[in-house]
Amino acid sequence: MGEISIKINIADRVYPLKVNMEEEEIIRRAAKLINDRIKEYQENYAVRDKQDLLSMCVLHYATSALKADKKVTSDDSEITEKVYHLDHILTDFFSKQ
C-alpha cells in the first residue's frame, strides 16, 4: 500500500505526516491516547505548560513500554525453561523405550 498525507494534532499543534495507509489508524489512535493523557494531567495536576505535560506523557509511555518489554523477556525465559524441561522429560521417556 502507498503513503498518504495526514495531519495529526498533538497538544494543540498540528503535525503533517506521510504514513503508510495501513498505519494511519494506529497513528491516529496514538495521537488520541497522547491528547487524552495530556488532558488528564491538566485536570489532575497544577501543570499548564504544554512542554511539561508532553514530558510527563512521554515518561508515562516510555515507562509502560519498558515494563512491557521486561514482561516479554521474563515470559520468554519462563517458556524457554519449560520447553527445555519438557524436552528433557521426552528424551528420558523415549530413551527408556
Foldseek 3Di string as FASTA:
>chain_A
DAWDWDWAAALNDIDIDIDDPVCVVVVNVVRVVRNVQLVVCVVPDVDDDSVVSSVVSVVVVVVVVVVVVVVVVVVVVVVVVVVVVVVVVVVVVVVVD
